[in-house]
Amino acid sequence: MIEFKHQELHVSGKISYDNAQQYYEQGLHQIKSHATYPVVVNLAELESGSTLALAILVRWLRQTPQAQGLQFKAVPEKVMKIIQSCHLENDLHIIP
């Protein structure tokens, strides 16, 4: 599930191959309807991290101005390890 609350885009639940496109489309709609950038994407409620979840985050990022319109917060440890192994930590703006 994806929703804006407290000025952040909250991603919750589990992203799987069955629902990945739905997550992507819902998130993209929310991001594009936001008037100002950067948008903070809060991943605290994401049930499990995966390369599929990371792919969605990168696809969202690419749809923002200069591909720098998102900040990621509360990134799950598993997703952080994938980000680091892919050397993406300099491309994704991760905040505490």
PDB file of N, CA and C in Angstrom:
ATOM      1  N   MET A   1       0.843  -1.177   0.000  1.00  0.00           N
ATOM      2  CA  MET A   1       0.000   0.000   0.000  1.00  0.00           C
ATOM      3  C   MET A   1       0.892   1.245   0.000  1.00  0.00           C
ATOM      4  N   ILE A   2       0.428   2.271  -0.664  1.00  0.00           N
ATOM      5  CA  ILE A   2       1.175   3.511  -0.778  1.00  0.00           C
ATOM      6  C   ILE A   2       0.241   4.656  -0.437  1.00  0.00           C
ATOM      7  N   GLU A   3       0.708   5.525   0.479  1.00  0.00           N
ATOM      8  CA  GLU A   3      -0.106   6.676   0.847  1.00  0.00           C
ATOM      9  C   GLU A   3       0.776   7.801   1.372  1.00  0.00           C
ATOM     10  N   PHE A   4       0.292   9.031   1.170  1.00  0.00           N
ATOM     11  CA  PHE A   4       0.968  10.183   1.736  1.00  0.00           C
ATOM     12  C   PHE A   4       0.424  10.408   3.129  1.00  0.00           C
ATOM     13  N   LYS A   5       1.319  10.516   4.105  1.00  0.00           N
ATOM     14  CA  LYS A   5       0.926  10.934   5.444  1.00  0.00           C
ATOM     15  C   LYS A   5       2.117  11.601   6.096  1.00  0.00           C
ATOM     16  N   HIS A   6       1.839  12.655   6.845  1.00  0.00           N
ATOM     17  CA  HIS A   6       2.884  13.426   7.516  1.00  0.00           C
ATOM     18  C   HIS A   6       3.942  13.919   6.522  1.00  0.00           C
ATOM     19  N   GLN A   7       3.502  14.358   5.355  1.00  0.00           N
ATOM     20  CA  GLN A   7       4.365  14.916   4.318  1.00  0.00           C
ATOM     21  C   GLN A   7       5.375  13.914   3.745  1.00  0.00           C
ATOM     22  N   GLU A   8       5.089  12.628   3.893  1.00  0.00           N
ATOM     23  CA  GLU A   8       5.970  11.581   3.353  1.00  0.00           C
ATOM     24  C   GLU A   8       5.142  10.556   2.583  1.00  0.00           C
ATOM     25  N   LEU A   9       5.773   9.949   1.595  1.00  0.00           N
ATOM     26  CA  LEU A   9       5.155   8.850   0.863  1.00  0.00           C
ATOM     27  C   LEU A   9       5.512   7.559   1.600  1.00  0.00           C
ATOM     28  N   HIS A  10       4.537   6.929   2.205  1.00  0.00           N
ATOM     29  CA  HIS A  10       4.764   5.711   2.981  1.00  0.00           C
ATOM     30  C   HIS A  10       4.470   4.486   2.116  1.00  0.00           C
ATOM     31  N   VAL A  11       5.436   3.589   2.081  1.00  0.00           N
ATOM     32  CA  VAL A  11       5.303   2.333   1.346  1.00  0.00           C
ATOM     33  C   VAL A  11       5.196   1.230   2.390  1.00  0.00           C
ATOM     34  N   SER A  12       4.128   0.445   2.320  1.00  0.00           N
ATOM     35  CA  SER A  12       3.941  -0.626   3.293  1.00  0.00           C
ATOM     36  C   SER A  12       3.531  -1.904   2.588  1.00  0.00           C
ATOM     37  N   GLY A  13       3.637  -2.998   3.318  1.00  0.00           N
ATOM     38  CA  GLY A  13       3.268  -4.292   2.753  1.00  0.00           C
ATOM     39  C   GLY A  13       4.456  -4.971   2.103  1.00  0.00           C
ATOM     40  N   LYS A  14       4.144  -5.966   1.297  1.00  0.00           N
ATOM     41  CA  LYS A  14       5.181  -6.746   0.639  1.00  0.00           C
ATOM     42  C   LYS A  14       5.053  -6.592  -0.874  1.00  0.00           C
ATOM     43  N   ILE A  15       6.146  -6.212  -1.511  1.00  0.00           N
ATOM     44  CA  ILE A  15       6.170  -6.087  -2.965  1.00  0.00           C
ATOM     45  C   ILE A  15       6.569  -7.435  -3.546  1.00  0.00           C
ATOM     46  N   SER A  16       5.722  -7.953  -4.430  1.00  0.00           N
ATOM     47  CA  SER A  16       5.983  -9.242  -5.065  1.00  0.00           C
ATOM     48  C   SER A  16       5.815  -9.092  -6.574  1.00  0.00           C
ATOM     49  N   TYR A  17       6.129 -10.148  -7.289  1.00  0.00           N
ATOM     50  CA  TYR A  17       5.959 -10.093  -8.744  1.00  0.00           C
ATOM     51  C   TYR A  17       4.494  -9.911  -9.124  1.00  0.00           C
ATOM     52  N   ASP A  18       3.586 -10.364  -8.262  1.00  0.00           N
ATOM     53  CA  ASP A  18       2.160 -10.243  -8.557  1.00  0.00           C
ATOM     54  C   ASP A  18       1.645  -8.810  -8.428  1.00  0.00           C
ATOM     55  N   ASN A  19       2.273  -8.006  -7.555  1.00  0.00           N
ATOM     56  CA  ASN A  19       1.746  -6.664  -7.329  1.00  0.00           C
ATOM     57  C   ASN A  19       2.745  -5.541  -7.639  1.00  0.00           C
ATOM     58  N   ALA A  20       3.906  -5.864  -8.166  1.00  0.00           N
ATOM     59  CA  ALA A  20       4.955  -4.864  -8.393  1.00  0.00           C
ATOM     60  C   ALA A  20       4.489  -3.740  -9.319  1.00  0.00           C
ATOM     61  N   GLN A  21       3.817  -4.065 -10.389  1.00  0.00           N
ATOM     62  CA  GLN A  21       3.353  -3.036 -11.323  1.00  0.00           C
ATOM     63  C   GLN A  21       2.349  -2.104 -10.647  1.00  0.00           C
ATOM     64  N   GLN A  22       1.492  -2.664  -9.816  1.00  0.00           N
ATOM     65  CA  GLN A  22       0.516  -1.861  -9.082  1.00  0.00           C
ATOM     66  C   GLN A  22       1.227  -0.902  -8.114  1.00  0.00           C
ATOM     67  N   TYR A  23       2.229  -1.399  -7.386  1.00  0.00           N
ATOM     68  CA  TYR A  23       3.016  -0.531  -6.498  1.00  0.00           C
ATOM     69  C   TYR A  23       3.672   0.583  -7.299  1.00  0.00           C
ATOM     70  N   TYR A  24       4.273   0.225  -8.413  1.00  0.00           N
ATOM     71  CA  TYR A  24       4.960   1.219  -9.246  1.00  0.00           C
ATOM     72  C   TYR A  24       3.987   2.304  -9.692  1.00  0.00           C
ATOM     73  N   GLU A  25       2.851   1.913 -10.237  1.00  0.00           N
ATOM     74  CA  GLU A  25       1.894   2.873 -10.770  1.00  0.00           C
ATOM     75  C   GLU A  25       1.293   3.751  -9.680  1.00  0.00           C
ATOM     76  N   GLN A  26       0.944   3.149  -8.538  1.00  0.00           N
ATOM     77  CA  GLN A  26       0.381   3.939  -7.439  1.00  0.00           C
ATOM     78  C   GLN A  26       1.397   4.946  -6.914  1.00  0.00           C
ATOM     79  N   GLY A  27       2.622   4.496  -6.719  1.00  0.00           N
ATOM     80  CA  GLY A  27       3.665   5.385  -6.231  1.00  0.00           C
ATOM     81  C   GLY A  27       3.973   6.502  -7.202  1.00  0.00           C
ATOM     82  N   LEU A  28       4.068   6.167  -8.473  1.00  0.00           N
ATOM     83  CA  LEU A  28       4.365   7.172  -9.495  1.00  0.00           C
ATOM     84  C   LEU A  28       3.257   8.226  -9.537  1.00  0.00           C
ATOM     85  N   HIS A  29       2.020   7.785  -9.449  1.00  0.00           N
ATOM     86  CA  HIS A  29       0.894   8.725  -9.425  1.00  0.00           C
ATOM     87  C   HIS A  29       1.014   9.677  -8.232  1.00  0.00           C
ATOM     88  N   GLN A  30       1.316   9.129  -7.058  1.00  0.00           N
ATOM     89  CA  GLN A  30       1.463   9.958  -5.854  1.00  0.00           C
ATOM     90  C   GLN A  30       2.632  10.936  -5.999  1.00  0.00           C
ATOM     91  N   ILE A  31       3.752  10.455  -6.511  1.00  0.00           N
ATOM     92  CA  ILE A  31       4.938  11.298  -6.662  1.00  0.00           C
ATOM     93  C   ILE A  31       4.673  12.427  -7.655  1.00  0.00           C
ATOM     94  N   LYS A  32       4.051  12.106  -8.782  1.00  0.00           N
ATOM     95  CA  LYS A  32       3.800  13.120  -9.810  1.00  0.00           C
ATOM     96  C   LYS A  32       2.739  14.128  -9.366  1.00  0.00           C
ATOM     97  N   SER A  33       1.858  13.730  -8.462  1.00  0.00           N
ATOM     98  CA  SER A  33       0.839  14.659  -7.987  1.00  0.00           C
ATOM     99  C   SER A  33       1.369  15.575  -6.880  1.00  0.00           C
ATOM    100  N   HIS A  34       2.556  15.289  -6.393  1.00  0.00           N
ATOM    101  CA  HIS A  34       3.179  16.120  -5.358  1.00  0.00           C
ATOM    102  C   HIS A  34       3.758  17.361  -6.020  1.00  0.00           C
ATOM    103  N   ALA A  35       3.479  18.526  -5.461  1.00  0.00           N
ATOM    104  CA  ALA A  35       3.856  19.786  -6.124  1.00  0.00           C
ATOM    105  C   ALA A  35       5.327  20.146  -5.977  1.00  0.00           C
ATOM    106  N   THR A  36       5.964  19.691  -4.917  1.00  0.00           N
ATOM    107  CA  THR A  36       7.352  20.085  -4.682  1.00  0.00           C
ATOM    108  C   THR A  36       8.240  18.862  -4.494  1.00  0.00           C
ATOM    109  N   TYR A  37       9.507  19.056  -4.812  1.00  0.00           N
ATOM    110  CA  TYR A  37      10.518  18.011  -4.641  1.00  0.00           C
ATOM    111  C   TYR A  37      11.592  18.546  -3.708  1.00  0.00           C
ATOM    112  N   PRO A  38      12.287  17.720  -2.991  1.00  0.00           N
ATOM    113  CA  PRO A  38      12.234  16.265  -3.032  1.00  0.00           C
ATOM    114  C   PRO A  38      11.056  15.706  -2.225  1.00  0.00           C
ATOM    115  N   VAL A  39      10.636  14.521  -2.616  1.00  0.00           N
ATOM    116  CA  VAL A  39       9.619  13.765  -1.907  1.00  0.00           C
ATOM    117  C   VAL A  39      10.346  12.751  -1.020  1.00  0.00           C
ATOM    118  N   VAL A  40       9.960  12.683   0.240  1.00  0.00           N
ATOM    119  CA  VAL A  40      10.544  11.700   1.149  1.00  0.00           C
ATOM    120  C   VAL A  40       9.732  10.410   1.036  1.00  0.00           C
ATOM    121  N   VAL A  41      10.428   9.311   0.737  1.00  0.00           N
ATOM    122  CA  VAL A  41       9.799   7.994   0.639  1.00  0.00           C
ATOM    123  C   VAL A  41      10.184   7.226   1.901  1.00  0.00           C
ATOM    124  N   ASN A  42       9.192   6.963   2.752  1.00  0.00           N
ATOM    125  CA  ASN A  42       9.424   6.281   4.025  1.00  0.00           C
ATOM    126  C   ASN A  42       9.153   4.790   3.836  1.00  0.00           C
ATOM    127  N   LEU A  43      10.185   3.983   4.079  1.00  0.00           N
ATOM    128  CA  LEU A  43      10.086   2.535   3.866  1.00  0.00           C
ATOM    129  C   LEU A  43       9.990   1.752   5.172  1.00  0.00           C
ATOM    130  N   ALA A  44       9.676   2.420   6.265  1.00  0.00           N
ATOM    131  CA  ALA A  44       9.646   1.774   7.582  1.00  0.00           C
ATOM    132  C   ALA A  44       8.651   0.609   7.642  1.00  0.00           C
ATOM    133  N   GLU A  45       7.576   0.684   6.859  1.00  0.00           N
ATOM    134  CA  GLU A  45       6.531  -0.340   6.919  1.00  0.00           C
ATOM    135  C   GLU A  45       6.618  -1.355   5.776  1.00  0.00           C
ATOM    136  N   LEU A  46       7.697  -1.299   5.010  1.00  0.00           N
ATOM    137  CA  LEU A  46       7.896  -2.279   3.941  1.00  0.00           C
ATOM    138  C   LEU A  46       8.223  -3.624   4.580  1.00  0.00           C
ATOM    139  N   GLU A  47       7.463  -4.648   4.265  1.00  0.00           N
ATOM    140  CA  GLU A  47       7.593  -5.933   4.953  1.00  0.00           C
ATOM    141  C   GLU A  47       8.865  -6.688   4.625  1.00  0.00           C
ATOM    142  N   SER A  48       9.300  -6.639   3.402  1.00  0.00           N
ATOM    143  CA  SER A  48      10.548  -7.325   3.072  1.00  0.00           C
ATOM    144  C   SER A  48      11.209  -6.613   1.903  1.00  0.00           C
ATOM    145  N   GLY A  49      12.505  -6.476   2.007  1.00  0.00           N
ATOM    146  CA  GLY A  49      13.245  -5.827   0.943  1.00  0.00           C
ATOM    147  C   GLY A  49      13.692  -6.836  -0.093  1.00  0.00           C
ATOM    148  N   SER A  50      13.793  -6.393  -1.319  1.00  0.00           N
ATOM    149  CA  SER A  50      14.214  -7.279  -2.401  1.00  0.00           C
ATOM    150  C   SER A  50      14.747  -6.441  -3.551  1.00  0.00           C
ATOM    151  N   THR A  51      15.336  -7.112  -4.510  1.00  0.00           N
ATOM    152  CA  THR A  51      15.793  -6.402  -5.706  1.00  0.00           C
ATOM    153  C   THR A  51      14.594  -5.836  -6.462  1.00  0.00           C
ATOM    154  N   LEU A  52      13.461  -6.500  -6.367  1.00  0.00           N
ATOM    155  CA  LEU A  52      12.248  -6.010  -7.014  1.00  0.00           C
ATOM    156  C   LEU A  52      11.809  -4.679  -6.393  1.00  0.00           C
ATOM    157  N   ALA A  53      11.831  -4.593  -5.071  1.00  0.00           N
ATOM    158  CA  ALA A  53      11.482  -3.339  -4.392  1.00  0.00           C
ATOM    159  C   ALA A  53      12.464  -2.241  -4.792  1.00  0.00           C
ATOM    160  N   LEU A  54      13.747  -2.565  -4.824  1.00  0.00           N
ATOM    161  CA  LEU A  54      14.754  -1.582  -5.217  1.00  0.00           C
ATOM    162  C   LEU A  54      14.532  -1.113  -6.655  1.00  0.00           C
ATOM    163  N   ALA A  55      14.181  -2.018  -7.532  1.00  0.00           N
ATOM    164  CA  ALA A  55      13.921  -1.647  -8.930  1.00  0.00           C
ATOM    165  C   ALA A  55      12.785  -0.632  -9.024  1.00  0.00           C
ATOM    166  N   ILE A  56      11.758  -0.796  -8.219  1.00  0.00           N
ATOM    167  CA  ILE A  56      10.640   0.151  -8.216  1.00  0.00           C
ATOM    168  C   ILE A  56      11.107   1.512  -7.715  1.00  0.00           C
ATOM    169  N   LEU A  57      11.910   1.530  -6.657  1.00  0.00           N
ATOM    170  CA  LEU A  57      12.421   2.795  -6.122  1.00  0.00           C
ATOM    171  C   LEU A  57      13.254   3.534  -7.170  1.00  0.00           C
ATOM    172  N   VAL A  58      14.097   2.805  -7.880  1.00  0.00           N
ATOM    173  CA  VAL A  58      14.939   3.422  -8.922  1.00  0.00           C
ATOM    174  C   VAL A  58      14.073   3.921 -10.074  1.00  0.00           C
ATOM    175  N   ARG A  59      13.066   3.166 -10.460  1.00  0.00           N
ATOM    176  CA  ARG A  59      12.167   3.613 -11.537  1.00  0.00           C
ATOM    177  C   ARG A  59      11.434   4.893 -11.138  1.00  0.00           C
ATOM    178  N   TRP A  60      10.983   4.970  -9.876  1.00  0.00           N
ATOM    179  CA  TRP A  60      10.352   6.209  -9.410  1.00  0.00           C
ATOM    180  C   TRP A  60      11.333   7.370  -9.491  1.00  0.00           C
ATOM    181  N   LEU A  61      12.543   7.135  -9.001  1.00  0.00           N
ATOM    182  CA  LEU A  61      13.556   8.185  -8.978  1.00  0.00           C
ATOM    183  C   LEU A  61      13.812   8.727 -10.378  1.00  0.00           C
ATOM    184  N   ARG A  62      13.872   7.864 -11.351  1.00  0.00           N
ATOM    185  CA  ARG A  62      14.141   8.282 -12.734  1.00  0.00           C
ATOM    186  C   ARG A  62      13.032   9.154 -13.312  1.00  0.00           C
ATOM    187  N   GLN A  63      11.853   9.138 -12.697  1.00  0.00           N
ATOM    188  CA  GLN A  63      10.730   9.935 -13.192  1.00  0.00           C
ATOM    189  C   GLN A  63      10.656  11.312 -12.544  1.00  0.00           C
ATOM    190  N   THR A  64      11.626  11.648 -11.697  1.00  0.00           N
ATOM    191  CA  THR A  64      11.635  12.939 -11.019  1.00  0.00           C
ATOM    192  C   THR A  64      12.626  13.875 -11.707  1.00  0.00           C
ATOM    193  N   PRO A  65      12.529  15.185 -11.430  1.00  0.00           N
ATOM    194  CA  PRO A  65      13.454  16.137 -12.060  1.00  0.00           C
ATOM    195  C   PRO A  65      14.922  15.778 -11.799  1.00  0.00           C
ATOM    196  N   GLN A  66      15.691  15.729 -12.847  1.00  0.00           N
ATOM    197  CA  GLN A  66      17.109  15.376 -12.822  1.00  0.00           C
ATOM    198  C   GLN A  66      17.370  14.059 -12.077  1.00  0.00           C
ATOM    199  N   ALA A  67      16.370  13.215 -11.990  1.00  0.00           N
ATOM    200  CA  ALA A  67      16.464  11.928 -11.296  1.00  0.00           C
ATOM    201  C   ALA A  67      17.011  12.100  -9.878  1.00  0.00           C
ATOM    202  N   GLN A  68      16.633  13.209  -9.240  1.00  0.00           N
ATOM    203  CA  GLN A  68      17.095  13.480  -7.882  1.00  0.00           C
ATOM    204  C   GLN A  68      15.970  13.964  -6.987  1.00  0.00           C
ATOM    205  N   GLY A  69      14.740  13.668  -7.327  1.00  0.00           N
ATOM    206  CA  GLY A  69      13.599  14.220  -6.605  1.00  0.00           C
ATOM    207  C   GLY A  69      13.089  13.400  -5.444  1.00  0.00           C
ATOM    208  N   LEU A  70      13.799  12.335  -5.078  1.00  0.00           N
ATOM    209  CA  LEU A  70      13.351  11.507  -3.963  1.00  0.00           C
ATOM    210  C   LEU A  70      14.443  11.392  -2.911  1.00  0.00           C
ATOM    211  N   GLN A  71      13.993  11.294  -1.669  1.00  0.00           N
ATOM    212  CA  GLN A  71      14.873  10.970  -0.551  1.00  0.00           C
ATOM    213  C   GLN A  71      14.271   9.743   0.125  1.00  0.00           C
ATOM    214  N   PHE A  72      15.107   8.791   0.470  1.00  0.00           N
ATOM    215  CA  PHE A  72      14.628   7.537   1.047  1.00  0.00           C
ATOM    216  C   PHE A  72      14.934   7.484   2.531  1.00  0.00           C
ATOM    217  N   LYS A  73      13.927   7.126   3.299  1.00  0.00           N
ATOM    218  CA  LYS A  73      14.024   7.126   4.758  1.00  0.00           C
ATOM    219  C   LYS A  73      13.629   5.750   5.292  1.00  0.00           C
ATOM    220  N   ALA A  74      14.259   5.343   6.389  1.00  0.00           N
ATOM    221  CA  ALA A  74      13.957   4.071   7.056  1.00  0.00           C
ATOM    222  C   ALA A  74      14.105   2.895   6.079  1.00  0.00           C
ATOM    223  N   VAL A  75      15.198   2.894   5.346  1.00  0.00           N
ATOM    224  CA  VAL A  75      15.450   1.842   4.363  1.00  0.00           C
ATOM    225  C   VAL A  75      15.757   0.535   5.111  1.00  0.00           C
ATOM    226  N   PRO A  76      15.021  -0.548   4.821  1.00  0.00           N
ATOM    227  CA  PRO A  76      15.279  -1.823   5.488  1.00  0.00           C
ATOM    228  C   PRO A  76      16.710  -2.310   5.234  1.00  0.00           C
ATOM    229  N   GLU A  77      17.256  -3.012   6.206  1.00  0.00           N
ATOM    230  CA  GLU A  77      18.640  -3.478   6.134  1.00  0.00           C
ATOM    231  C   GLU A  77      18.909  -4.289   4.870  1.00  0.00           C
ATOM    232  N   LYS A  78      17.983  -5.168   4.516  1.00  0.00           N
ATOM    233  CA  LYS A  78      18.191  -6.007   3.328  1.00  0.00           C
ATOM    234  C   LYS A  78      18.296  -5.149   2.062  1.00  0.00           C
ATOM    235  N   VAL A  79      17.454  -4.139   1.965  1.00  0.00           N
ATOM    236  CA  VAL A  79      17.504  -3.246   0.800  1.00  0.00           C
ATOM    237  C   VAL A  79      18.806  -2.451   0.803  1.00  0.00           C
ATOM    238  N   MET A  80      19.247  -2.010   1.987  1.00  0.00           N
ATOM    239  CA  MET A  80      20.516  -1.283   2.075  1.00  0.00           C
ATOM    240  C   MET A  80      21.672  -2.149   1.589  1.00  0.00           C
ATOM    241  N   LYS A  81      21.666  -3.408   1.937  1.00  0.00           N
ATOM    242  CA  LYS A  81      22.742  -4.305   1.498  1.00  0.00           C
ATOM    243  C   LYS A  81      22.732  -4.471  -0.019  1.00  0.00           C
ATOM    244  N   ILE A  82      21.549  -4.534  -0.598  1.00  0.00           N
ATOM    245  CA  ILE A  82      21.442  -4.639  -2.056  1.00  0.00           C
ATOM    246  C   ILE A  82      21.954  -3.341  -2.697  1.00  0.00           C
ATOM    247  N   ILE A  83      21.559  -2.205  -2.129  1.00  0.00           N
ATOM    248  CA  ILE A  83      22.015  -0.902  -2.635  1.00  0.00           C
ATOM    249  C   ILE A  83      23.539  -0.833  -2.609  1.00  0.00           C
ATOM    250  N   GLN A  84      24.127  -1.256  -1.505  1.00  0.00           N
ATOM    251  CA  GLN A  84      25.579  -1.214  -1.371  1.00  0.00           C
ATOM    252  C   GLN A  84      26.269  -2.189  -2.314  1.00  0.00           C
ATOM    253  N   SER A  85      25.715  -3.373  -2.475  1.00  0.00           N
ATOM    254  CA  SER A  85      26.356  -4.346  -3.366  1.00  0.00           C
ATOM    255  C   SER A  85      26.267  -3.924  -4.826  1.00  0.00           C
ATOM    256  N   CYS A  86      25.268  -3.107  -5.150  1.00  0.00           N
ATOM    257  CA  CYS A  86      25.123  -2.589  -6.514  1.00  0.00           C
ATOM    258  C   CYS A  86      25.810  -1.232  -6.687  1.00  0.00           C
ATOM    259  N   HIS A  87      26.437  -0.744  -5.618  1.00  0.00           N
ATOM    260  CA  HIS A  87      27.125   0.554  -5.633  1.00  0.00           C
ATOM    261  C   HIS A  87      26.183   1.688  -6.004  1.00  0.00           C
ATOM    262  N   LEU A  88      24.974   1.664  -5.446  1.00  0.00           N
ATOM    263  CA  LEU A  88      23.988   2.703  -5.730  1.00  0.00           C
ATOM    264  C   LEU A  88      23.865   3.731  -4.616  1.00  0.00           C
ATOM    265  N   GLU A  89      24.660   3.589  -3.556  1.00  0.00           N
ATOM    266  CA  GLU A  89      24.502   4.494  -2.409  1.00  0.00           C
ATOM    267  C   GLU A  89      24.756   5.954  -2.776  1.00  0.00           C
ATOM    268  N   ASN A  90      25.534   6.229  -3.821  1.00  0.00           N
ATOM    269  CA  ASN A  90      25.763   7.610  -4.237  1.00  0.00           C
ATOM    270  C   ASN A  90      24.657   8.124  -5.159  1.00  0.00           C
ATOM    271  N   ASP A  91      23.868   7.229  -5.714  1.00  0.00           N
ATOM    272  CA  ASP A  91      22.787   7.627  -6.609  1.00  0.00           C
ATOM    273  C   ASP A  91      21.465   7.836  -5.880  1.00  0.00           C
ATOM    274  N   LEU A  92      21.291   7.165  -4.756  1.00  0.00           N
ATOM    275  CA  LEU A  92      20.061   7.253  -3.981  1.00  0.00           C
ATOM    276  C   LEU A  92      20.323   8.108  -2.752  1.00  0.00           C
ATOM    277  N   HIS A  93      19.512   9.128  -2.548  1.00  0.00           N
ATOM    278  CA  HIS A  93      19.683  10.007  -1.391  1.00  0.00           C
ATOM    279  C   HIS A  93      18.963   9.380  -0.200  1.00  0.00           C
ATOM    280  N   ILE A  94      19.751   8.797   0.703  1.00  0.00           N
ATOM    281  CA  ILE A  94      19.194   8.112   1.873  1.00  0.00           C
ATOM    282  C   ILE A  94      19.377   9.013   3.080  1.00  0.00           C
ATOM    283  N   ILE A  95      18.280   9.265   3.787  1.00  0.00           N
ATOM    284  CA  ILE A  95      18.324  10.132   4.959  1.00  0.00           C
ATOM    285  C   ILE A  95      18.004   9.318   6.202  1.00  0.00           C
ATOM    286  N   PRO A  96      18.488   9.812   7.361  1.00  0.00           N
ATOM    287  CA  PRO A  96      18.225   9.072   8.615  1.00  0.00           C
ATOM    288  C   PRO A  96      16.778   9.155   9.046  1.00  0.00           C
TER     289      PRO A  96
END
